[in-house]
N, C-alpha and C. Protein backbone atom coordinates (compact mmCIF):
# COMPACT_ATOMS: atom_id res chain seq x y z
N MET A 1 -33.38 -4.93 31.59
CA MET A 1 -32.58 -5.69 30.65
C MET A 1 -31.35 -6.21 31.39
N ALA A 2 -31.13 -7.51 31.32
CA ALA A 2 -29.99 -8.12 31.99
C ALA A 2 -28.74 -7.96 31.16
N ASP A 3 -27.63 -7.75 31.83
CA ASP A 3 -26.35 -7.65 31.14
C ASP A 3 -25.74 -9.03 30.99
N THR A 4 -24.98 -9.22 29.93
CA THR A 4 -24.27 -10.47 29.69
C THR A 4 -22.79 -10.18 29.68
N GLN A 5 -22.05 -11.05 30.34
CA GLN A 5 -20.60 -10.88 30.36
C GLN A 5 -19.99 -11.73 29.26
N ILE A 6 -19.01 -11.13 28.55
CA ILE A 6 -18.27 -11.88 27.54
C ILE A 6 -16.80 -11.83 27.91
N SER A 7 -16.04 -12.75 27.36
CA SER A 7 -14.61 -12.80 27.63
C SER A 7 -13.88 -12.81 26.29
N ALA A 8 -12.79 -12.07 26.21
CA ALA A 8 -12.03 -12.01 24.96
C ALA A 8 -10.56 -11.79 25.29
N TYR A 9 -9.70 -12.36 24.48
CA TYR A 9 -8.27 -12.12 24.61
C TYR A 9 -7.90 -10.92 23.75
N ILE A 10 -7.16 -9.99 24.31
CA ILE A 10 -6.67 -8.83 23.56
C ILE A 10 -5.18 -8.67 23.85
N SER A 11 -4.52 -7.96 22.97
CA SER A 11 -3.08 -7.76 23.14
C SER A 11 -2.82 -6.85 24.33
N ASP A 12 -1.61 -6.94 24.87
CA ASP A 12 -1.22 -6.07 25.98
C ASP A 12 -1.31 -4.60 25.59
N SER A 13 -0.91 -4.29 24.35
CA SER A 13 -0.93 -2.89 23.92
C SER A 13 -2.36 -2.36 23.82
N THR A 14 -3.29 -3.20 23.35
CA THR A 14 -4.69 -2.78 23.28
C THR A 14 -5.25 -2.57 24.69
N LYS A 15 -4.90 -3.47 25.61
CA LYS A 15 -5.35 -3.33 27.00
C LYS A 15 -4.84 -2.02 27.60
N GLU A 16 -3.58 -1.71 27.34
CA GLU A 16 -3.01 -0.46 27.87
C GLU A 16 -3.73 0.76 27.31
N LYS A 17 -4.01 0.74 25.99
CA LYS A 17 -4.74 1.85 25.37
C LYS A 17 -6.13 2.00 25.97
N LEU A 18 -6.81 0.87 26.17
CA LEU A 18 -8.14 0.87 26.75
C LEU A 18 -8.11 1.47 28.15
N GLU A 19 -7.19 1.02 28.95
CA GLU A 19 -7.10 1.51 30.33
C GLU A 19 -6.75 3.00 30.38
N ARG A 20 -5.82 3.44 29.53
CA ARG A 20 -5.46 4.86 29.51
C ARG A 20 -6.65 5.72 29.10
N TYR A 21 -7.35 5.30 28.05
CA TYR A 21 -8.50 6.07 27.56
C TYR A 21 -9.59 6.13 28.61
N ALA A 22 -9.92 4.97 29.20
CA ALA A 22 -10.99 4.92 30.20
C ALA A 22 -10.65 5.80 31.40
N GLU A 23 -9.40 5.75 31.85
CA GLU A 23 -9.01 6.58 33.00
C GLU A 23 -9.05 8.07 32.64
N ALA A 24 -8.54 8.41 31.47
CA ALA A 24 -8.49 9.82 31.07
C ALA A 24 -9.89 10.41 30.91
N ARG A 25 -10.86 9.60 30.45
CA ARG A 25 -12.21 10.10 30.21
C ARG A 25 -13.14 9.86 31.39
N GLY A 26 -12.66 9.10 32.38
CA GLY A 26 -13.51 8.82 33.54
C GLY A 26 -14.67 7.91 33.24
N VAL A 27 -14.49 6.97 32.31
CA VAL A 27 -15.55 6.01 31.99
C VAL A 27 -15.09 4.61 32.39
N LYS A 28 -16.05 3.75 32.60
CA LYS A 28 -15.73 2.36 32.93
C LYS A 28 -15.36 1.64 31.65
N LYS A 29 -14.44 0.67 31.79
CA LYS A 29 -13.98 -0.08 30.62
C LYS A 29 -15.11 -0.83 29.94
N GLY A 30 -16.04 -1.39 30.73
CA GLY A 30 -17.17 -2.11 30.14
C GLY A 30 -18.03 -1.21 29.27
N PHE A 31 -18.28 0.02 29.74
CA PHE A 31 -19.06 0.98 28.96
C PHE A 31 -18.33 1.32 27.66
N LEU A 32 -17.04 1.57 27.77
CA LEU A 32 -16.24 1.93 26.60
C LEU A 32 -16.23 0.80 25.57
N ILE A 33 -16.07 -0.42 26.04
CA ILE A 33 -16.05 -1.58 25.13
C ILE A 33 -17.40 -1.74 24.44
N GLU A 34 -18.49 -1.62 25.20
CA GLU A 34 -19.81 -1.76 24.58
C GLU A 34 -20.07 -0.67 23.55
N GLU A 35 -19.71 0.57 23.88
CA GLU A 35 -19.91 1.67 22.93
C GLU A 35 -19.08 1.44 21.66
N ALA A 36 -17.85 1.03 21.83
CA ALA A 36 -16.98 0.78 20.68
C ALA A 36 -17.51 -0.36 19.82
N LEU A 37 -17.98 -1.41 20.48
CA LEU A 37 -18.51 -2.55 19.74
C LEU A 37 -19.78 -2.17 18.98
N LEU A 38 -20.66 -1.43 19.63
CA LEU A 38 -21.88 -0.98 18.95
C LEU A 38 -21.55 -0.08 17.76
N HIS A 39 -20.60 0.83 17.96
CA HIS A 39 -20.18 1.72 16.88
C HIS A 39 -19.62 0.92 15.70
N HIS A 40 -18.78 -0.04 16.00
CA HIS A 40 -18.16 -0.86 14.95
C HIS A 40 -19.22 -1.69 14.21
N LEU A 41 -20.11 -2.32 14.96
CA LEU A 41 -21.15 -3.13 14.31
C LEU A 41 -22.08 -2.29 13.46
N GLN A 42 -22.39 -1.08 13.91
CA GLN A 42 -23.23 -0.19 13.11
C GLN A 42 -22.51 0.19 11.81
N ALA A 43 -21.22 0.50 11.92
CA ALA A 43 -20.46 0.85 10.71
C ALA A 43 -20.42 -0.33 9.75
N LEU A 44 -20.21 -1.53 10.27
CA LEU A 44 -20.18 -2.71 9.40
C LEU A 44 -21.51 -2.94 8.69
N SER A 45 -22.61 -2.61 9.37
CA SER A 45 -23.92 -2.84 8.74
C SER A 45 -24.30 -1.74 7.75
N GLU A 46 -23.73 -0.55 7.92
CA GLU A 46 -24.13 0.58 7.07
C GLU A 46 -23.17 0.87 5.92
N LEU A 47 -21.92 0.45 6.05
CA LEU A 47 -20.92 0.74 5.01
C LEU A 47 -20.75 -0.44 4.08
N PRO A 48 -20.46 -0.17 2.81
CA PRO A 48 -20.14 -1.27 1.90
C PRO A 48 -18.89 -2.00 2.40
N ALA A 49 -18.86 -3.31 2.22
CA ALA A 49 -17.77 -4.13 2.75
C ALA A 49 -16.40 -3.68 2.24
N ASP A 50 -16.32 -3.18 1.00
CA ASP A 50 -15.02 -2.80 0.45
C ASP A 50 -14.51 -1.47 0.99
N ILE A 51 -15.32 -0.77 1.78
CA ILE A 51 -14.91 0.51 2.38
C ILE A 51 -14.21 0.29 3.72
N VAL A 52 -14.56 -0.80 4.40
CA VAL A 52 -14.02 -1.08 5.73
C VAL A 52 -12.62 -1.66 5.59
N ILE A 53 -11.65 -0.97 6.18
CA ILE A 53 -10.25 -1.40 6.10
C ILE A 53 -9.88 -2.10 7.41
N PRO A 54 -9.44 -3.35 7.34
CA PRO A 54 -9.11 -4.06 8.57
C PRO A 54 -7.90 -3.44 9.28
N GLN A 55 -7.91 -3.52 10.61
CA GLN A 55 -6.80 -3.00 11.40
C GLN A 55 -5.54 -3.83 11.21
N ARG A 56 -5.71 -5.10 10.96
CA ARG A 56 -4.58 -6.00 10.78
C ARG A 56 -4.74 -6.75 9.47
N ILE A 57 -3.65 -6.91 8.78
CA ILE A 57 -3.65 -7.68 7.55
C ILE A 57 -2.74 -8.88 7.76
N THR A 58 -3.26 -10.07 7.52
CA THR A 58 -2.49 -11.29 7.68
C THR A 58 -1.98 -11.73 6.31
N VAL A 59 -0.70 -12.01 6.25
CA VAL A 59 -0.11 -12.47 4.99
C VAL A 59 0.44 -13.88 5.17
N THR A 60 0.42 -14.62 4.09
CA THR A 60 0.99 -15.97 4.10
C THR A 60 2.50 -15.84 3.89
N PRO A 61 3.25 -16.89 4.17
CA PRO A 61 4.69 -16.82 3.89
C PRO A 61 4.99 -16.48 2.42
N ALA A 62 4.20 -17.02 1.50
CA ALA A 62 4.42 -16.74 0.08
C ALA A 62 4.13 -15.28 -0.26
N SER A 63 3.02 -14.74 0.27
CA SER A 63 2.70 -13.34 -0.02
C SER A 63 3.70 -12.41 0.65
N TYR A 64 4.23 -12.81 1.81
CA TYR A 64 5.26 -12.00 2.47
C TYR A 64 6.51 -11.92 1.59
N ARG A 65 6.91 -13.03 1.03
CA ARG A 65 8.09 -13.04 0.14
C ARG A 65 7.84 -12.14 -1.08
N SER A 66 6.62 -12.17 -1.58
CA SER A 66 6.27 -11.32 -2.72
C SER A 66 6.36 -9.84 -2.35
N ILE A 67 5.88 -9.49 -1.16
CA ILE A 67 5.94 -8.10 -0.69
C ILE A 67 7.39 -7.66 -0.55
N VAL A 68 8.21 -8.51 0.06
CA VAL A 68 9.63 -8.19 0.25
C VAL A 68 10.29 -7.98 -1.11
N SER A 69 9.97 -8.83 -2.06
CA SER A 69 10.54 -8.72 -3.40
C SER A 69 10.16 -7.39 -4.05
N LEU A 70 8.90 -6.98 -3.92
CA LEU A 70 8.45 -5.72 -4.50
C LEU A 70 9.08 -4.51 -3.81
N VAL A 71 9.32 -4.63 -2.51
CA VAL A 71 9.95 -3.53 -1.79
C VAL A 71 11.40 -3.39 -2.21
N LYS A 72 12.08 -4.53 -2.35
CA LYS A 72 13.49 -4.50 -2.73
C LYS A 72 13.68 -4.05 -4.18
N LYS A 73 12.76 -4.47 -5.04
CA LYS A 73 12.87 -4.10 -6.46
C LYS A 73 11.48 -3.69 -6.96
N PRO A 74 11.10 -2.42 -6.73
CA PRO A 74 9.77 -1.97 -7.15
C PRO A 74 9.60 -2.02 -8.67
N ARG A 75 8.37 -2.18 -9.08
CA ARG A 75 8.07 -2.17 -10.51
C ARG A 75 8.25 -0.75 -11.04
N LYS A 76 8.58 -0.66 -12.31
CA LYS A 76 8.70 0.64 -12.96
C LYS A 76 7.29 1.23 -13.12
N PRO A 77 7.10 2.51 -12.78
CA PRO A 77 5.76 3.09 -12.91
C PRO A 77 5.31 3.15 -14.36
N THR A 78 4.03 2.96 -14.56
CA THR A 78 3.47 3.03 -15.91
C THR A 78 3.39 4.49 -16.36
N ARG A 79 3.18 4.72 -17.62
CA ARG A 79 3.02 6.07 -18.17
C ARG A 79 1.85 6.77 -17.46
N ALA A 80 0.73 6.04 -17.29
CA ALA A 80 -0.44 6.63 -16.64
C ALA A 80 -0.11 7.06 -15.22
N MET A 81 0.67 6.26 -14.49
CA MET A 81 1.04 6.62 -13.12
C MET A 81 1.95 7.84 -13.11
N ARG A 82 2.90 7.90 -14.04
CA ARG A 82 3.80 9.06 -14.12
C ARG A 82 3.00 10.33 -14.44
N ASP A 83 2.06 10.22 -15.39
CA ASP A 83 1.21 11.37 -15.74
C ASP A 83 0.37 11.82 -14.55
N LEU A 84 -0.19 10.86 -13.83
CA LEU A 84 -1.01 11.19 -12.67
C LEU A 84 -0.18 11.92 -11.61
N MET A 85 1.00 11.43 -11.32
CA MET A 85 1.86 12.04 -10.31
C MET A 85 2.38 13.41 -10.76
N ALA A 86 2.46 13.60 -12.07
CA ALA A 86 2.92 14.88 -12.60
C ALA A 86 1.77 15.91 -12.67
N GLY A 87 0.56 15.45 -12.37
CA GLY A 87 -0.57 16.36 -12.38
C GLY A 87 -1.16 16.57 -13.75
N LYS A 88 -0.75 15.74 -14.71
CA LYS A 88 -1.30 15.87 -16.06
C LYS A 88 -2.74 15.37 -16.10
N ILE A 89 -3.50 15.91 -17.04
CA ILE A 89 -4.89 15.48 -17.22
C ILE A 89 -4.88 14.05 -17.74
N VAL A 90 -5.67 13.23 -17.07
CA VAL A 90 -5.76 11.82 -17.45
C VAL A 90 -7.11 11.60 -18.13
N ASP A 91 -7.17 10.68 -19.09
CA ASP A 91 -8.43 10.40 -19.80
C ASP A 91 -9.56 10.24 -18.80
N GLY A 92 -10.67 10.90 -19.06
CA GLY A 92 -11.83 10.81 -18.20
C GLY A 92 -11.88 11.90 -17.13
N ASP A 93 -10.79 12.63 -16.91
CA ASP A 93 -10.80 13.72 -15.93
C ASP A 93 -11.50 14.93 -16.53
N PRO A 94 -12.18 15.70 -15.71
CA PRO A 94 -12.88 16.89 -16.23
C PRO A 94 -11.90 17.98 -16.62
């Protein structure tokens, strides 16, 4: 089976993590990348899409302003949220 070379841009911090891990474990970077990619692709094919949490979340300028607004002035918790945090039995709980 012939190997194929691919090229990808990664962040400096990811490159540093890759190099540290490969050196510490005594594996080649190409092997580590292929194993990681195979593992990730298998997880994507076997897990429901809503279970996979992305490593990075991109926000628009408008959604960023909304997030900042909620952080500065959080919404008042609902009765159900207060009950849940207090450990009270919530409808439907056994």
